[in-house]
PDB file of N, CA and C in Angstrom:
ATOM      1  N   MET A   1      -3.951  12.098 -14.347  1.00  0.00           N
ATOM      2  CA  MET A   1      -4.364  10.680 -13.953  1.00  0.00           C
ATOM      3  C   MET A   1      -5.643  11.293 -13.049  1.00  0.00           C
ATOM      4  N   SER A   2      -6.753   9.978 -13.143  1.00  0.00           N
ATOM      5  CA  SER A   2      -8.014   9.646 -12.380  1.00  0.00           C
ATOM      6  C   SER A   2      -7.549   9.402 -11.302  1.00  0.00           C
ATOM      7  N   ASP A   3      -8.462   9.731 -10.017  1.00  0.00           N
ATOM      8  CA  ASP A   3      -9.075   9.324  -8.888  1.00  0.00           C
ATOM      9  C   ASP A   3      -9.625   7.779  -9.299  1.00  0.00           C
ATOM     10  N   TYR A   4      -9.937   7.579  -9.980  1.00  0.00           N
ATOM     11  CA  TYR A   4     -11.206   6.697 -10.258  1.00  0.00           C
ATOM     12  C   TYR A   4     -10.800   5.739 -10.384  1.00  0.00           C
ATOM     13  N   ILE A   5      -8.779   5.657 -10.890  1.00  0.00           N
ATOM     14  CA  ILE A   5      -8.483   4.158 -11.941  1.00  0.00           C
ATOM     15  C   ILE A   5      -7.487   4.019 -10.570  1.00  0.00           C
ATOM     16  N   PRO A   6      -7.749   2.827 -10.374  1.00  0.00           N
ATOM     17  CA  PRO A   6      -6.552   2.166  -8.868  1.00  0.00           C
ATOM     18  C   PRO A   6      -5.360   2.161  -9.384  1.00  0.00           C
ATOM     19  N   ILE A   7      -4.172   2.407  -8.918  1.00  0.00           N
ATOM     20  CA  ILE A   7      -2.466   2.780  -8.738  1.00  0.00           C
ATOM     21  C   ILE A   7      -2.200   1.624  -7.829  1.00  0.00           C
ATOM     22  N   PRO A   8      -1.202   1.682  -8.567  1.00  0.00           N
ATOM     23  CA  PRO A   8      -0.012   0.393  -7.429  1.00  0.00           C
ATOM     24  C   PRO A   8       0.232   1.578  -6.109  1.00  0.00           C
ATOM     25  N   LEU A   9       0.291   0.961  -4.567  1.00  0.00           N
ATOM     26  CA  LEU A   9       0.316   1.261  -3.522  1.00  0.00           C
ATOM     27  C   LEU A   9       1.906   1.941  -3.857  1.00  0.00           C
ATOM     28  N   SER A  10       2.710   1.162  -4.527  1.00  0.00           N
ATOM     29  CA  SER A  10       4.137   1.864  -4.687  1.00  0.00           C
ATOM     30  C   SER A  10       4.471   3.164  -5.713  1.00  0.00           C
ATOM     31  N   LYS A  11       3.476   3.442  -6.096  1.00  0.00           N
ATOM     32  CA  LYS A  11       3.556   4.779  -7.347  1.00  0.00           C
ATOM     33  C   LYS A  11       2.494   5.724  -6.210  1.00  0.00           C
ATOM     34  N   LEU A  12       2.037   5.850  -5.256  1.00  0.00           N
ATOM     35  CA  LEU A  12       1.213   6.587  -4.367  1.00  0.00           C
ATOM     36  C   LEU A  12       2.626   7.926  -3.193  1.00  0.00           C
ATOM     37  N   PRO A  13       2.582   8.352  -4.200  1.00  0.00           N
ATOM     38  CA  PRO A  13       3.174   9.465  -3.549  1.00  0.00           C
ATOM     39  C   PRO A  13       3.711   9.797  -1.598  1.00  0.00           C
ATOM     40  N   ILE A  14       4.526  10.287  -0.958  1.00  0.00           N
ATOM     41  CA  ILE A  14       4.712   9.865   0.194  1.00  0.00           C
ATOM     42  C   ILE A  14       3.788  11.604   0.389  1.00  0.00           C
ATOM     43  N   GLY A  15       2.981  10.878   2.120  1.00  0.00           N
ATOM     44  CA  GLY A  15       1.812  12.141   2.467  1.00  0.00           C
ATOM     45  C   GLY A  15       0.482  12.411   1.391  1.00  0.00           C
ATOM     46  N   LYS A  16       0.501  11.111   0.542  1.00  0.00           N
ATOM     47  CA  LYS A  16      -0.869  10.998  -0.453  1.00  0.00           C
ATOM     48  C   LYS A  16      -1.454   9.685   0.420  1.00  0.00           C
ATOM     49  N   VAL A  17      -2.975  10.581   1.156  1.00  0.00           N
ATOM     50  CA  VAL A  17      -4.066   9.332   1.363  1.00  0.00           C
ATOM     51  C   VAL A  17      -4.292   8.135   0.179  1.00  0.00           C
ATOM     52  N   GLY A  18      -4.336   6.977   0.186  1.00  0.00           N
ATOM     53  CA  GLY A  18      -5.174   5.598  -0.240  1.00  0.00           C
ATOM     54  C   GLY A  18      -5.830   4.857   0.034  1.00  0.00           C
ATOM     55  N   LYS A  19      -6.906   4.928  -0.814  1.00  0.00           N
ATOM     56  CA  LYS A  19      -7.904   3.700   0.072  1.00  0.00           C
ATOM     57  C   LYS A  19      -7.223   2.242  -0.905  1.00  0.00           C
ATOM     58  N   VAL A  20      -7.356   1.072   0.028  1.00  0.00           N
ATOM     59  CA  VAL A  20      -7.209  -0.046  -0.092  1.00  0.00           C
ATOM     60  C   VAL A  20      -8.308  -0.571  -1.245  1.00  0.00           C
ATOM     61  N   GLU A  21      -7.940  -1.101  -2.400  1.00  0.00           N
ATOM     62  CA  GLU A  21      -8.839  -1.641  -3.280  1.00  0.00           C
ATOM     63  C   GLU A  21      -9.121  -2.961  -3.629  1.00  0.00           C
ATOM     64  N   ILE A  22      -7.678  -3.437  -4.202  1.00  0.00           N
ATOM     65  CA  ILE A  22      -7.451  -4.867  -4.604  1.00  0.00           C
ATOM     66  C   ILE A  22      -6.307  -5.121  -4.214  1.00  0.00           C
ATOM     67  N   ILE A  23      -5.671  -6.681  -3.761  1.00  0.00           N
ATOM     68  CA  ILE A  23      -4.527  -7.120  -3.803  1.00  0.00           C
ATOM     69  C   ILE A  23      -4.005  -7.834  -5.078  1.00  0.00           C
ATOM     70  N   ASN A  24      -3.363  -7.917  -5.683  1.00  0.00           N
ATOM     71  CA  ASN A  24      -3.166  -9.162  -7.260  1.00  0.00           C
ATOM     72  C   ASN A  24      -1.796  -9.791  -6.366  1.00  0.00           C
ATOM     73  N   SER A  25      -1.972 -10.288  -5.253  1.00  0.00           N
ATOM     74  CA  SER A  25      -1.147 -11.471  -5.029  1.00  0.00           C
ATOM     75  C   SER A  25      -1.851 -13.058  -4.112  1.00  0.00           C
ATOM     76  N   LYS A  26      -1.426 -13.956  -4.058  1.00  0.00           N
ATOM     77  CA  LYS A  26      -2.253 -15.356  -3.597  1.00  0.00           C
ATOM     78  C   LYS A  26      -1.614 -15.847  -2.514  1.00  0.00           C
ATOM     79  N   GLY A  27      -1.924 -17.093  -2.157  1.00  0.00           N
ATOM     80  CA  GLY A  27      -1.278 -17.867  -1.038  1.00  0.00           C
ATOM     81  C   GLY A  27      -0.799 -17.148   0.095  1.00  0.00           C
ATOM     82  N   ASN A  28       0.285 -17.435   0.403  1.00  0.00           N
ATOM     83  CA  ASN A  28       1.335 -16.862   1.802  1.00  0.00           C
ATOM     84  C   ASN A  28       1.655 -15.383   1.601  1.00  0.00           C
ATOM     85  N   LYS A  29       1.216 -15.367   0.707  1.00  0.00           N
ATOM     86  CA  LYS A  29       1.617 -13.641   0.383  1.00  0.00           C
ATOM     87  C   LYS A  29       0.150 -12.276   0.667  1.00  0.00           C
ATOM     88  N   ARG A  30      -0.385 -13.219   0.032  1.00  0.00           N
ATOM     89  CA  ARG A  30      -2.511 -12.766   0.210  1.00  0.00           C
ATOM     90  C   ARG A  30      -2.333 -12.390   1.801  1.00  0.00           C
ATOM     91  N   ARG A  31      -1.912 -13.589   2.151  1.00  0.00           N
ATOM     92  CA  ARG A  31      -2.553 -13.684   3.507  1.00  0.00           C
ATOM     93  C   ARG A  31      -1.716 -12.692   4.526  1.00  0.00           C
ATOM     94  N   ARG A  32      -0.517 -12.430   4.551  1.00  0.00           N
ATOM     95  CA  ARG A  32       0.051 -11.779   4.810  1.00  0.00           C
ATOM     96  C   ARG A  32       0.076 -10.661   4.703  1.00  0.00           C
ATOM     97  N   LEU A  33      -0.373  -9.702   3.646  1.00  0.00           N
ATOM     98  CA  LEU A  33      -0.734  -8.300   3.530  1.00  0.00           C
ATOM     99  C   LEU A  33      -2.380  -8.611   4.088  1.00  0.00           C
ATOM    100  N   LEU A  34      -2.825  -9.171   4.139  1.00  0.00           N
ATOM    101  CA  LEU A  34      -4.495  -9.061   4.476  1.00  0.00           C
ATOM    102  C   LEU A  34      -4.370  -9.165   6.201  1.00  0.00           C
ATOM    103  N   ASP A  35      -3.403 -10.067   6.770  1.00  0.00           N
ATOM    104  CA  ASP A  35      -3.054 -10.158   8.492  1.00  0.00           C
ATOM    105  C   ASP A  35      -2.484  -8.942   8.829  1.00  0.00           C
ATOM    106  N   LEU A  36      -1.602  -7.881   8.448  1.00  0.00           N
ATOM    107  CA  LEU A  36      -1.356  -6.461   8.573  1.00  0.00           C
ATOM    108  C   LEU A  36      -1.724  -5.236   8.500  1.00  0.00           C
ATOM    109  N   GLY A  37      -3.241  -5.701   7.135  1.00  0.00           N
ATOM    110  CA  GLY A  37      -4.351  -4.398   7.987  1.00  0.00           C
ATOM    111  C   GLY A  37      -4.323  -4.127   6.352  1.00  0.00           C
ATOM    112  N   PHE A  38      -3.679  -4.293   5.112  1.00  0.00           N
ATOM    113  CA  PHE A  38      -4.297  -3.874   3.800  1.00  0.00           C
ATOM    114  C   PHE A  38      -5.308  -5.040   3.462  1.00  0.00           C
ATOM    115  N   ILE A  39      -6.595  -4.381   4.151  1.00  0.00           N
ATOM    116  CA  ILE A  39      -8.066  -5.058   3.085  1.00  0.00           C
ATOM    117  C   ILE A  39      -8.258  -4.048   2.538  1.00  0.00           C
ATOM    118  N   GLN A  40      -9.770  -4.407   1.699  1.00  0.00           N
ATOM    119  CA  GLN A  40     -10.234  -3.248   1.114  1.00  0.00           C
ATOM    120  C   GLN A  40     -11.148  -2.410   1.831  1.00  0.00           C
ATOM    121  N   GLY A  41     -10.730  -1.339   1.521  1.00  0.00           N
ATOM    122  CA  GLY A  41     -11.389   0.090   2.374  1.00  0.00           C
ATOM    123  C   GLY A  41     -10.436   0.908   3.431  1.00  0.00           C
ATOM    124  N   SER A  42      -9.381  -0.027   3.765  1.00  0.00           N
ATOM    125  CA  SER A  42      -8.404   0.795   4.228  1.00  0.00           C
ATOM    126  C   SER A  42      -8.152   1.538   3.897  1.00  0.00           C
ATOM    127  N   TYR A  43      -7.354   2.616   4.729  1.00  0.00           N
ATOM    128  CA  TYR A  43      -6.776   3.645   4.454  1.00  0.00           C
ATOM    129  C   TYR A  43      -5.147   3.264   4.663  1.00  0.00           C
ATOM    130  N   VAL A  44      -4.654   3.950   3.605  1.00  0.00           N
ATOM    131  CA  VAL A  44      -2.702   3.738   4.210  1.00  0.00           C
ATOM    132  C   VAL A  44      -2.648   4.978   3.556  1.00  0.00           C
ATOM    133  N   LEU A  45      -1.140   5.358   4.476  1.00  0.00           N
ATOM    134  CA  LEU A  45      -0.489   6.612   3.892  1.00  0.00           C
ATOM    135  C   LEU A  45       0.784   6.229   3.834  1.00  0.00           C
ATOM    136  N   PRO A  46       1.234   6.691   2.536  1.00  0.00           N
ATOM    137  CA  PRO A  46       3.268   6.424   2.391  1.00  0.00           C
ATOM    138  C   PRO A  46       3.916   7.395   3.782  1.00  0.00           C
ATOM    139  N   ILE A  47       4.364   7.112   4.096  1.00  0.00           N
ATOM    140  CA  ILE A  47       5.148   8.464   5.519  1.00  0.00           C
ATOM    141  C   ILE A  47       6.992   8.364   5.014  1.00  0.00           C
ATOM    142  N   ARG A  48       7.468   7.543   5.141  1.00  0.00           N
ATOM    143  CA  ARG A  48       8.807   7.669   4.588  1.00  0.00           C
ATOM    144  C   ARG A  48       9.615   6.818   3.772  1.00  0.00           C
ATOM    145  N   LYS A  49      10.655   7.089   2.484  1.00  0.00           N
ATOM    146  CA  LYS A  49      11.279   6.222   2.175  1.00  0.00           C
ATOM    147  C   LYS A  49      12.370   5.889   2.710  1.00  0.00           C
ATOM    148  N   SER A  50      13.034   4.812   2.309  1.00  0.00           N
ATOM    149  CA  SER A  50      14.138   4.142   3.030  1.00  0.00           C
ATOM    150  C   SER A  50      15.289   4.553   2.594  1.00  0.00           C
ATOM    151  N   PRO A  51      16.474   5.203   2.928  1.00  0.00           N
ATOM    152  CA  PRO A  51      17.478   5.572   2.089  1.00  0.00           C
ATOM    153  C   PRO A  51      18.016   5.090   0.771  1.00  0.00           C
ATOM    154  N   LEU A  52      17.640   3.970   0.547  1.00  0.00           N
ATOM    155  CA  LEU A  52      18.281   3.223  -0.355  1.00  0.00           C
ATOM    156  C   LEU A  52      17.111   3.279  -1.180  1.00  0.00           C
ATOM    157  N   GLY A  53      15.418   3.286  -1.161  1.00  0.00           N
ATOM    158  CA  GLY A  53      14.157   3.279  -1.966  1.00  0.00           C
ATOM    159  C   GLY A  53      13.829   2.096  -2.026  1.00  0.00           C
ATOM    160  N   ASP A  54      14.028   1.119  -1.287  1.00  0.00           N
ATOM    161  CA  ASP A  54      13.628  -0.123  -1.534  1.00  0.00           C
ATOM    162  C   ASP A  54      12.214  -0.303  -0.902  1.00  0.00           C
ATOM    163  N   LEU A  55      12.854   0.443   0.367  1.00  0.00           N
ATOM    164  CA  LEU A  55      11.409  -0.091   1.684  1.00  0.00           C
ATOM    165  C   LEU A  55      10.527   1.737   2.237  1.00  0.00           C
ATOM    166  N   VAL A  56       9.609   1.378   2.063  1.00  0.00           N
ATOM    167  CA  VAL A  56       8.571   2.575   2.425  1.00  0.00           C
ATOM    168  C   VAL A  56       7.710   2.025   3.583  1.00  0.00           C
ATOM    169  N   ALA A  57       7.786   3.197   4.283  1.00  0.00           N
ATOM    170  CA  ALA A  57       6.757   2.911   5.749  1.00  0.00           C
ATOM    171  C   ALA A  57       5.423   3.619   5.339  1.00  0.00           C
ATOM    172  N   TYR A  58       4.422   2.599   5.741  1.00  0.00           N
ATOM    173  CA  TYR A  58       2.848   3.074   5.354  1.00  0.00           C
ATOM    174  C   TYR A  58       2.496   2.921   6.623  1.00  0.00           C
ATOM    175  N   LYS A  59       1.293   3.776   6.899  1.00  0.00           N
ATOM    176  CA  LYS A  59       0.410   3.789   8.273  1.00  0.00           C
ATOM    177  C   LYS A  59      -0.819   3.260   7.812  1.00  0.00           C
ATOM    178  N   ILE A  60      -0.916   2.473   8.083  1.00  0.00           N
ATOM    179  CA  ILE A  60      -2.209   1.775   8.240  1.00  0.00           C
ATOM    180  C   ILE A  60      -3.177   1.478   9.668  1.00  0.00           C
ATOM    181  N   ARG A  61      -4.678   1.505   9.524  1.00  0.00           N
ATOM    182  CA  ARG A  61      -4.873   0.634  10.575  1.00  0.00           C
ATOM    183  C   ARG A  61      -4.161   1.584  12.217  1.00  0.00           C
ATOM    184  N   GLY A  62      -3.395   2.207  11.966  1.00  0.00           N
ATOM    185  CA  GLY A  62      -2.839   3.108  13.074  1.00  0.00           C
ATOM    186  C   GLY A  62      -1.531   2.708  13.644  1.00  0.00           C
ATOM    187  N   THR A  63      -0.945   1.258  12.291  1.00  0.00           N
ATOM    188  CA  THR A  63       0.136   0.755  12.813  1.00  0.00           C
ATOM    189  C   THR A  63       1.392   1.271  11.524  1.00  0.00           C
ATOM    190  N   ILE A  64       2.397   1.205  11.262  1.00  0.00           N
ATOM    191  CA  ILE A  64       3.331   1.634  10.582  1.00  0.00           C
ATOM    192  C   ILE A  64       3.931  -0.132   9.927  1.00  0.00           C
ATOM    193  N   ILE A  65       4.102   0.123   9.050  1.00  0.00           N
ATOM    194  CA  ILE A  65       4.398  -0.959   8.375  1.00  0.00           C
ATOM    195  C   ILE A  65       5.091  -0.710   7.175  1.00  0.00           C
ATOM    196  N   ALA A  66       6.380  -1.578   6.979  1.00  0.00           N
ATOM    197  CA  ALA A  66       7.423  -1.542   5.752  1.00  0.00           C
ATOM    198  C   ALA A  66       6.767  -2.664   4.986  1.00  0.00           C
ATOM    199  N   LEU A  67       7.060  -2.077   3.624  1.00  0.00           N
ATOM    200  CA  LEU A  67       7.110  -3.011   2.488  1.00  0.00           C
ATOM    201  C   LEU A  67       8.138  -2.530   1.762  1.00  0.00           C
ATOM    202  N   ARG A  68       8.213  -3.924   1.173  1.00  0.00           N
ATOM    203  CA  ARG A  68       9.039  -3.315  -0.202  1.00  0.00           C
ATOM    204  C   ARG A  68       8.677  -3.089  -1.543  1.00  0.00           C
ATOM    205  N   GLN A  69       9.068  -2.504  -2.249  1.00  0.00           N
ATOM    206  CA  GLN A  69       8.600  -1.702  -3.680  1.00  0.00           C
ATOM    207  C   GLN A  69       7.842  -3.077  -4.198  1.00  0.00           C
ATOM    208  N   GLU A  70       8.175  -4.410  -4.595  1.00  0.00           N
ATOM    209  CA  GLU A  70       7.707  -5.571  -4.910  1.00  0.00           C
ATOM    210  C   GLU A  70       5.964  -6.110  -4.156  1.00  0.00           C
ATOM    211  N   GLU A  71       6.314  -5.769  -3.480  1.00  0.00           N
ATOM    212  CA  GLU A  71       5.088  -6.464  -2.266  1.00  0.00           C
ATOM    213  C   GLU A  71       4.160  -5.076  -2.651  1.00  0.00           C
ATOM    214  N   ALA A  72       4.760  -3.744  -2.146  1.00  0.00           N
ATOM    215  CA  ALA A  72       3.623  -2.914  -2.861  1.00  0.00           C
ATOM    216  C   ALA A  72       2.720  -2.273  -3.829  1.00  0.00           C
ATOM    217  N   SER A  73       3.628  -2.956  -4.839  1.00  0.00           N
ATOM    218  CA  SER A  73       2.850  -3.155  -6.686  1.00  0.00           C
ATOM    219  C   SER A  73       1.978  -4.022  -6.571  1.00  0.00           C
ATOM    220  N   ASP A  74       1.541  -5.305  -5.229  1.00  0.00           N
ATOM    221  CA  ASP A  74       0.557  -5.918  -5.804  1.00  0.00           C
ATOM    222  C   ASP A  74      -0.544  -5.497  -5.018  1.00  0.00           C
ATOM    223  N   ILE A  75      -0.882  -4.568  -4.161  1.00  0.00           N
ATOM    224  CA  ILE A  75      -1.262  -3.603  -3.738  1.00  0.00           C
ATOM    225  C   ILE A  75      -2.286  -2.260  -4.565  1.00  0.00           C
ATOM    226  N   LEU A  76      -3.362  -2.414  -5.258  1.00  0.00           N
ATOM    227  CA  LEU A  76      -4.070  -1.297  -5.693  1.00  0.00           C
ATOM    228  C   LEU A  76      -4.762  -0.183  -4.697  1.00  0.00           C
ATOM    229  N   VAL A  77      -4.562   0.977  -5.352  1.00  0.00           N
ATOM    230  CA  VAL A  77      -5.694   2.038  -4.329  1.00  0.00           C
ATOM    231  C   VAL A  77      -6.314   3.009  -5.083  1.00  0.00           C
ATOM    232  N   TYR A  78      -6.689   3.671  -4.745  1.00  0.00           N
ATOM    233  CA  TYR A  78      -7.446   4.803  -5.137  1.00  0.00           C
ATOM    234  C   TYR A  78      -6.872   5.665  -4.126  1.00  0.00           C
ATOM    235  N   ARG A  79      -6.247   6.924  -5.052  1.00  0.00           N
ATOM    236  CA  ARG A  79      -6.090   8.123  -4.127  1.00  0.00           C
ATOM    237  C   ARG A  79      -7.304   8.972  -3.574  1.00  0.00           C
ATOM    238  N   THR A  80      -6.998   9.240  -2.440  1.00  0.00           N
ATOM    239  CA  THR A  80      -8.011   9.959  -1.586  1.00  0.00           C
ATOM    240  C   THR A  80      -7.749  11.565  -1.529  1.00  0.00           C
TER     241      THR A  80
END
């Protein structure tokens, strides 16, 4: 997998840093992700997966945010 092809945030392995490139959602969902700090150029680090696997905790801009896999799939990142 090339580092120059954006991948969904949900596919970024735990402990690997990614750089936000694109948010593929619209309306309130997009606004919520932007408000949480998922803006182009921000670095994000998946730090922990929930026991059932649907929620993942991400560290972004000094804050830890939990996203469902569906939400994380809408965010495309470059691996750094």
